[in-house]
Amino acid sequence: MDYLEHKIAEKHDKAILDASLPAVCFYGHRGYQTVGHGVCELENDVKLVYEIMEKQLIG
């Protein structure tokens, strides 16, 4: 993750990602904040819920 964030910071001031609910704690510990929520509707009335998270990067 450190390498990926470093590469992103070369061209952008923040990283934005979609995180599954089980991954929210992982990204939260890395400094990401939830900025929104998303829902992807699948077959048979199944819904995939996720968090939209971002982290300010120092470039």
PDB file of N, CA and C in Angstrom:
ATOM      1  N   MET A   1       0.823  -1.193   0.000  1.00  0.00           N
ATOM      2  CA  MET A   1       0.000   0.000   0.000  1.00  0.00           C
ATOM      3  C   MET A   1       0.871   1.262   0.000  1.00  0.00           C
ATOM      4  N   ASP A   2       1.969   1.235   0.735  1.00  0.00           N
ATOM      5  CA  ASP A   2       2.845   2.409   0.758  1.00  0.00           C
ATOM      6  C   ASP A   2       3.337   2.743  -0.650  1.00  0.00           C
ATOM      7  N   TYR A   3       3.753   1.727  -1.387  1.00  0.00           N
ATOM      8  CA  TYR A   3       4.238   1.938  -2.747  1.00  0.00           C
ATOM      9  C   TYR A   3       3.132   2.509  -3.639  1.00  0.00           C
ATOM     10  N   LEU A   4       1.945   1.925  -3.565  1.00  0.00           N
ATOM     11  CA  LEU A   4       0.835   2.400  -4.394  1.00  0.00           C
ATOM     12  C   LEU A   4       0.475   3.840  -4.073  1.00  0.00           C
ATOM     13  N   GLU A   5       0.417   4.172  -2.779  1.00  0.00           N
ATOM     14  CA  GLU A   5       0.096   5.544  -2.387  1.00  0.00           C
ATOM     15  C   GLU A   5       1.184   6.508  -2.856  1.00  0.00           C
ATOM     16  N   HIS A   6       2.438   6.076  -2.800  1.00  0.00           N
ATOM     17  CA  HIS A   6       3.535   6.914  -3.280  1.00  0.00           C
ATOM     18  C   HIS A   6       3.387   7.182  -4.785  1.00  0.00           C
ATOM     19  N   LYS A   7       3.069   6.156  -5.560  1.00  0.00           N
ATOM     20  CA  LYS A   7       2.890   6.322  -7.003  1.00  0.00           C
ATOM     21  C   LYS A   7       1.703   7.237  -7.314  1.00  0.00           C
ATOM     22  N   ILE A   8       0.616   7.082  -6.582  1.00  0.00           N
ATOM     23  CA  ILE A   8      -0.552   7.948  -6.787  1.00  0.00           C
ATOM     24  C   ILE A   8      -0.194   9.391  -6.472  1.00  0.00           C
ATOM     25  N   ALA A   9       0.568   9.602  -5.384  1.00  0.00           N
ATOM     26  CA  ALA A   9       0.943  10.955  -4.952  1.00  0.00           C
ATOM     27  C   ALA A   9       1.824  11.676  -5.967  1.00  0.00           C
ATOM     28  N   GLU A  10       2.455  10.951  -6.877  1.00  0.00           N
ATOM     29  CA  GLU A  10       3.270  11.591  -7.909  1.00  0.00           C
ATOM     30  C   GLU A  10       2.426  12.441  -8.856  1.00  0.00           C
ATOM     31  N   LYS A  11       1.129  12.095  -8.984  1.00  0.00           N
ATOM     32  CA  LYS A  11       0.267  12.825  -9.924  1.00  0.00           C
ATOM     33  C   LYS A  11      -1.015  13.378  -9.303  1.00  0.00           C
ATOM     34  N   HIS A  12      -1.341  12.941  -8.087  1.00  0.00           N
ATOM     35  CA  HIS A  12      -2.614  13.343  -7.478  1.00  0.00           C
ATOM     36  C   HIS A  12      -2.404  13.721  -6.019  1.00  0.00           C
ATOM     37  N   ASP A  13      -3.273  14.582  -5.501  1.00  0.00           N
ATOM     38  CA  ASP A  13      -3.142  14.992  -4.108  1.00  0.00           C
ATOM     39  C   ASP A  13      -3.927  14.124  -3.139  1.00  0.00           C
ATOM     40  N   LYS A  14      -4.789  13.241  -3.665  1.00  0.00           N
ATOM     41  CA  LYS A  14      -5.508  12.320  -2.785  1.00  0.00           C
ATOM     42  C   LYS A  14      -5.802  11.017  -3.504  1.00  0.00           C
ATOM     43  N   ALA A  15      -5.988   9.978  -2.712  1.00  0.00           N
ATOM     44  CA  ALA A  15      -6.367   8.662  -3.224  1.00  0.00           C
ATOM     45  C   ALA A  15      -7.827   8.425  -2.867  1.00  0.00           C
ATOM     46  N   ILE A  16      -8.578   7.914  -3.813  1.00  0.00           N
ATOM     47  CA  ILE A  16      -9.997   7.597  -3.601  1.00  0.00           C
ATOM     48  C   ILE A  16     -10.197   6.140  -3.989  1.00  0.00           C
ATOM     49  N   LEU A  17     -10.939   5.415  -3.147  1.00  0.00           N
ATOM     50  CA  LEU A  17     -11.176   3.999  -3.436  1.00  0.00           C
ATOM     51  C   LEU A  17     -12.541   3.571  -2.928  1.00  0.00           C
ATOM     52  N   ASP A  18     -13.007   2.452  -3.459  1.00  0.00           N
ATOM     53  CA  ASP A  18     -14.220   1.793  -2.981  1.00  0.00           C
ATOM     54  C   ASP A  18     -13.776   0.632  -2.107  1.00  0.00           C
ATOM     55  N   ALA A  19     -14.294   0.562  -0.886  1.00  0.00           N
ATOM     56  CA  ALA A  19     -13.884  -0.478   0.054  1.00  0.00           C
ATOM     57  C   ALA A  19     -15.073  -1.323   0.467  1.00  0.00           C
ATOM     58  N   SER A  20     -14.878  -2.632   0.435  1.00  0.00           N
ATOM     59  CA  SER A  20     -15.905  -3.524   0.971  1.00  0.00           C
ATOM     60  C   SER A  20     -16.024  -3.266   2.473  1.00  0.00           C
ATOM     61  N   LEU A  21     -17.157  -3.577   3.039  1.00  0.00           N
ATOM     62  CA  LEU A  21     -17.352  -3.306   4.465  1.00  0.00           C
ATOM     63  C   LEU A  21     -16.300  -3.978   5.348  1.00  0.00           C
ATOM     64  N   PRO A  22     -15.875  -5.223   5.076  1.00  0.00           N
ATOM     65  CA  PRO A  22     -14.827  -5.816   5.913  1.00  0.00           C
ATOM     66  C   PRO A  22     -13.473  -5.097   5.792  1.00  0.00           C
ATOM     67  N   ALA A  23     -13.241  -4.369   4.700  1.00  0.00           N
ATOM     68  CA  ALA A  23     -11.955  -3.699   4.493  1.00  0.00           C
ATOM     69  C   ALA A  23     -11.902  -2.287   5.074  1.00  0.00           C
ATOM     70  N   VAL A  24     -13.029  -1.770   5.541  1.00  0.00           N
ATOM     71  CA  VAL A  24     -13.084  -0.391   6.032  1.00  0.00           C
ATOM     72  C   VAL A  24     -12.095  -0.165   7.177  1.00  0.00           C
ATOM     73  N   CYS A  25     -11.990  -1.080   8.111  1.00  0.00           N
ATOM     74  CA  CYS A  25     -11.051  -0.925   9.235  1.00  0.00           C
ATOM     75  C   CYS A  25      -9.613  -0.885   8.736  1.00  0.00           C
ATOM     76  N   PHE A  26      -9.272  -1.728   7.788  1.00  0.00           N
ATOM     77  CA  PHE A  26      -7.922  -1.738   7.222  1.00  0.00           C
ATOM     78  C   PHE A  26      -7.575  -0.361   6.668  1.00  0.00           C
ATOM     79  N   TYR A  27      -8.441   0.169   5.813  1.00  0.00           N
ATOM     80  CA  TYR A  27      -8.168   1.470   5.208  1.00  0.00           C
ATOM     81  C   TYR A  27      -8.251   2.590   6.242  1.00  0.00           C
ATOM     82  N   GLY A  28      -9.142   2.479   7.196  1.00  0.00           N
ATOM     83  CA  GLY A  28      -9.242   3.479   8.256  1.00  0.00           C
ATOM     84  C   GLY A  28      -7.935   3.598   9.030  1.00  0.00           C
ATOM     85  N   HIS A  29      -7.305   2.475   9.312  1.00  0.00           N
ATOM     86  CA  HIS A  29      -6.019   2.494  10.018  1.00  0.00           C
ATOM     87  C   HIS A  29      -4.904   3.086   9.161  1.00  0.00           C
ATOM     88  N   ARG A  30      -5.106   3.130   7.861  1.00  0.00           N
ATOM     89  CA  ARG A  30      -4.111   3.733   6.957  1.00  0.00           C
ATOM     90  C   ARG A  30      -4.404   5.206   6.700  1.00  0.00           C
ATOM     91  N   GLY A  31      -5.422   5.754   7.364  1.00  0.00           N
ATOM     92  CA  GLY A  31      -5.707   7.180   7.245  1.00  0.00           C
ATOM     93  C   GLY A  31      -6.811   7.561   6.280  1.00  0.00           C
ATOM     94  N   TYR A  32      -7.517   6.575   5.737  1.00  0.00           N
ATOM     95  CA  TYR A  32      -8.621   6.874   4.828  1.00  0.00           C
ATOM     96  C   TYR A  32      -9.870   7.232   5.620  1.00  0.00           C
ATOM     97  N   GLN A  33     -10.662   8.138   5.070  1.00  0.00           N
ATOM     98  CA  GLN A  33     -11.919   8.567   5.670  1.00  0.00           C
ATOM     99  C   GLN A  33     -13.069   8.202   4.729  1.00  0.00           C
ATOM    100  N   THR A  34     -14.178   7.782   5.287  1.00  0.00           N
ATOM    101  CA  THR A  34     -15.363   7.512   4.478  1.00  0.00           C
ATOM    102  C   THR A  34     -15.987   8.835   4.047  1.00  0.00           C
ATOM    103  N   VAL A  35     -16.208   8.981   2.738  1.00  0.00           N
ATOM    104  CA  VAL A  35     -16.808  10.203   2.202  1.00  0.00           C
ATOM    105  C   VAL A  35     -18.151   9.931   1.534  1.00  0.00           C
ATOM    106  N   GLY A  36     -18.530   8.661   1.459  1.00  0.00           N
ATOM    107  CA  GLY A  36     -19.801   8.317   0.850  1.00  0.00           C
ATOM    108  C   GLY A  36     -20.036   6.817   0.912  1.00  0.00           C
ATOM    109  N   HIS A  37     -21.191   6.421   0.404  1.00  0.00           N
ATOM    110  CA  HIS A  37     -21.570   5.014   0.394  1.00  0.00           C
ATOM    111  C   HIS A  37     -22.097   4.675  -0.994  1.00  0.00           C
ATOM    112  N   GLY A  38     -21.937   3.447  -1.373  1.00  0.00           N
ATOM    113  CA  GLY A  38     -22.440   3.012  -2.663  1.00  0.00           C
ATOM    114  C   GLY A  38     -23.159   1.682  -2.541  1.00  0.00           C
ATOM    115  N   VAL A  39     -24.027   1.433  -3.498  1.00  0.00           N
ATOM    116  CA  VAL A  39     -24.760   0.172  -3.559  1.00  0.00           C
ATOM    117  C   VAL A  39     -24.740  -0.302  -5.003  1.00  0.00           C
ATOM    118  N   CYS A  40     -24.367  -1.536  -5.188  1.00  0.00           N
ATOM    119  CA  CYS A  40     -24.391  -2.156  -6.509  1.00  0.00           C
ATOM    120  C   CYS A  40     -25.447  -3.254  -6.465  1.00  0.00           C
ATOM    121  N   GLU A  41     -26.471  -3.120  -7.291  1.00  0.00           N
ATOM    122  CA  GLU A  41     -27.541  -4.110  -7.289  1.00  0.00           C
ATOM    123  C   GLU A  41     -27.184  -5.257  -8.226  1.00  0.00           C
ATOM    124  N   LEU A  42     -27.254  -6.461  -7.693  1.00  0.00           N
ATOM    125  CA  LEU A  42     -26.911  -7.664  -8.436  1.00  0.00           C
ATOM    126  C   LEU A  42     -28.182  -8.460  -8.730  1.00  0.00           C
ATOM    127  N   GLU A  43     -28.016  -9.651  -9.255  1.00  0.00           N
ATOM    128  CA  GLU A  43     -29.165 -10.503  -9.555  1.00  0.00           C
ATOM    129  C   GLU A  43     -29.862 -10.961  -8.274  1.00  0.00           C
ATOM    130  N   ASN A  44     -31.106 -11.370  -8.410  1.00  0.00           N
ATOM    131  CA  ASN A  44     -31.910 -11.946  -7.324  1.00  0.00           C
ATOM    132  C   ASN A  44     -32.035 -11.021  -6.126  1.00  0.00           C
ATOM    133  N   ASP A  45     -32.151  -9.711  -6.378  1.00  0.00           N
ATOM    134  CA  ASP A  45     -32.319  -8.698  -5.324  1.00  0.00           C
ATOM    135  C   ASP A  45     -31.158  -8.646  -4.336  1.00  0.00           C
ATOM    136  N   VAL A  46     -29.982  -9.097  -4.744  1.00  0.00           N
ATOM    137  CA  VAL A  46     -28.792  -9.022  -3.899  1.00  0.00           C
ATOM    138  C   VAL A  46     -28.161  -7.644  -4.093  1.00  0.00           C
ATOM    139  N   LYS A  47     -27.739  -7.018  -2.981  1.00  0.00           N
ATOM    140  CA  LYS A  47     -27.116  -5.700  -3.037  1.00  0.00           C
ATOM    141  C   LYS A  47     -25.734  -5.767  -2.403  1.00  0.00           C
ATOM    142  N   LEU A  48     -24.764  -5.220  -3.097  1.00  0.00           N
ATOM    143  CA  LEU A  48     -23.407  -5.115  -2.590  1.00  0.00           C
ATOM    144  C   LEU A  48     -23.233  -3.684  -2.088  1.00  0.00           C
ATOM    145  N   VAL A  49     -23.009  -3.534  -0.790  1.00  0.00           N
ATOM    146  CA  VAL A  49     -22.858  -2.221  -0.176  1.00  0.00           C
ATOM    147  C   VAL A  49     -21.372  -1.980   0.065  1.00  0.00           C
ATOM    148  N   TYR A  50     -20.905  -0.781  -0.237  1.00  0.00           N
ATOM    149  CA  TYR A  50     -19.493  -0.454  -0.051  1.00  0.00           C
ATOM    150  C   TYR A  50     -19.335   0.997   0.387  1.00  0.00           C
ATOM    151  N   GLU A  51     -18.154   1.298   0.893  1.00  0.00           N
ATOM    152  CA  GLU A  51     -17.816   2.643   1.343  1.00  0.00           C
ATOM    153  C   GLU A  51     -16.918   3.297   0.291  1.00  0.00           C
ATOM    154  N   ILE A  52     -17.118   4.574   0.054  1.00  0.00           N
ATOM    155  CA  ILE A  52     -16.226   5.357  -0.775  1.00  0.00           C
ATOM    156  C   ILE A  52     -15.307   6.093   0.201  1.00  0.00           C
ATOM    157  N   MET A  53     -14.011   5.853   0.058  1.00  0.00           N
ATOM    158  CA  MET A  53     -13.047   6.396   1.019  1.00  0.00           C
ATOM    159  C   MET A  53     -11.975   7.192   0.301  1.00  0.00           C
ATOM    160  N   GLU A  54     -11.428   8.171   1.029  1.00  0.00           N
ATOM    161  CA  GLU A  54     -10.328   8.943   0.445  1.00  0.00           C
ATOM    162  C   GLU A  54      -9.279   9.264   1.499  1.00  0.00           C
ATOM    163  N   LYS A  55      -8.080   9.512   1.010  1.00  0.00           N
ATOM    164  CA  LYS A  55      -6.956   9.859   1.876  1.00  0.00           C
ATOM    165  C   LYS A  55      -6.172  10.974   1.216  1.00  0.00           C
ATOM    166  N   GLN A  56      -5.924  12.033   1.964  1.00  0.00           N
ATOM    167  CA  GLN A  56      -5.084  13.109   1.467  1.00  0.00           C
ATOM    168  C   GLN A  56      -3.637  12.624   1.444  1.00  0.00           C
ATOM    169  N   LEU A  57      -2.982  12.786   0.313  1.00  0.00           N
ATOM    170  CA  LEU A  57      -1.606  12.334   0.153  1.00  0.00           C
ATOM    171  C   LEU A  57      -0.662  13.529   0.142  1.00  0.00           C
ATOM    172  N   ILE A  58       0.530  13.320   0.637  1.00  0.00           N
ATOM    173  CA  ILE A  58       1.569  14.342   0.577  1.00  0.00           C
ATOM    174  C   ILE A  58       2.441  14.007  -0.614  1.00  0.00           C
ATOM    175  N   GLY A  59       2.420  14.846  -1.651  1.00  0.00           N
ATOM    176  CA  GLY A  59       3.116  14.519  -2.877  1.00  0.00           C
ATOM    177  C   GLY A  59       4.383  15.155  -3.037  1.00  0.00           C
TER     178      GLY A  59
END
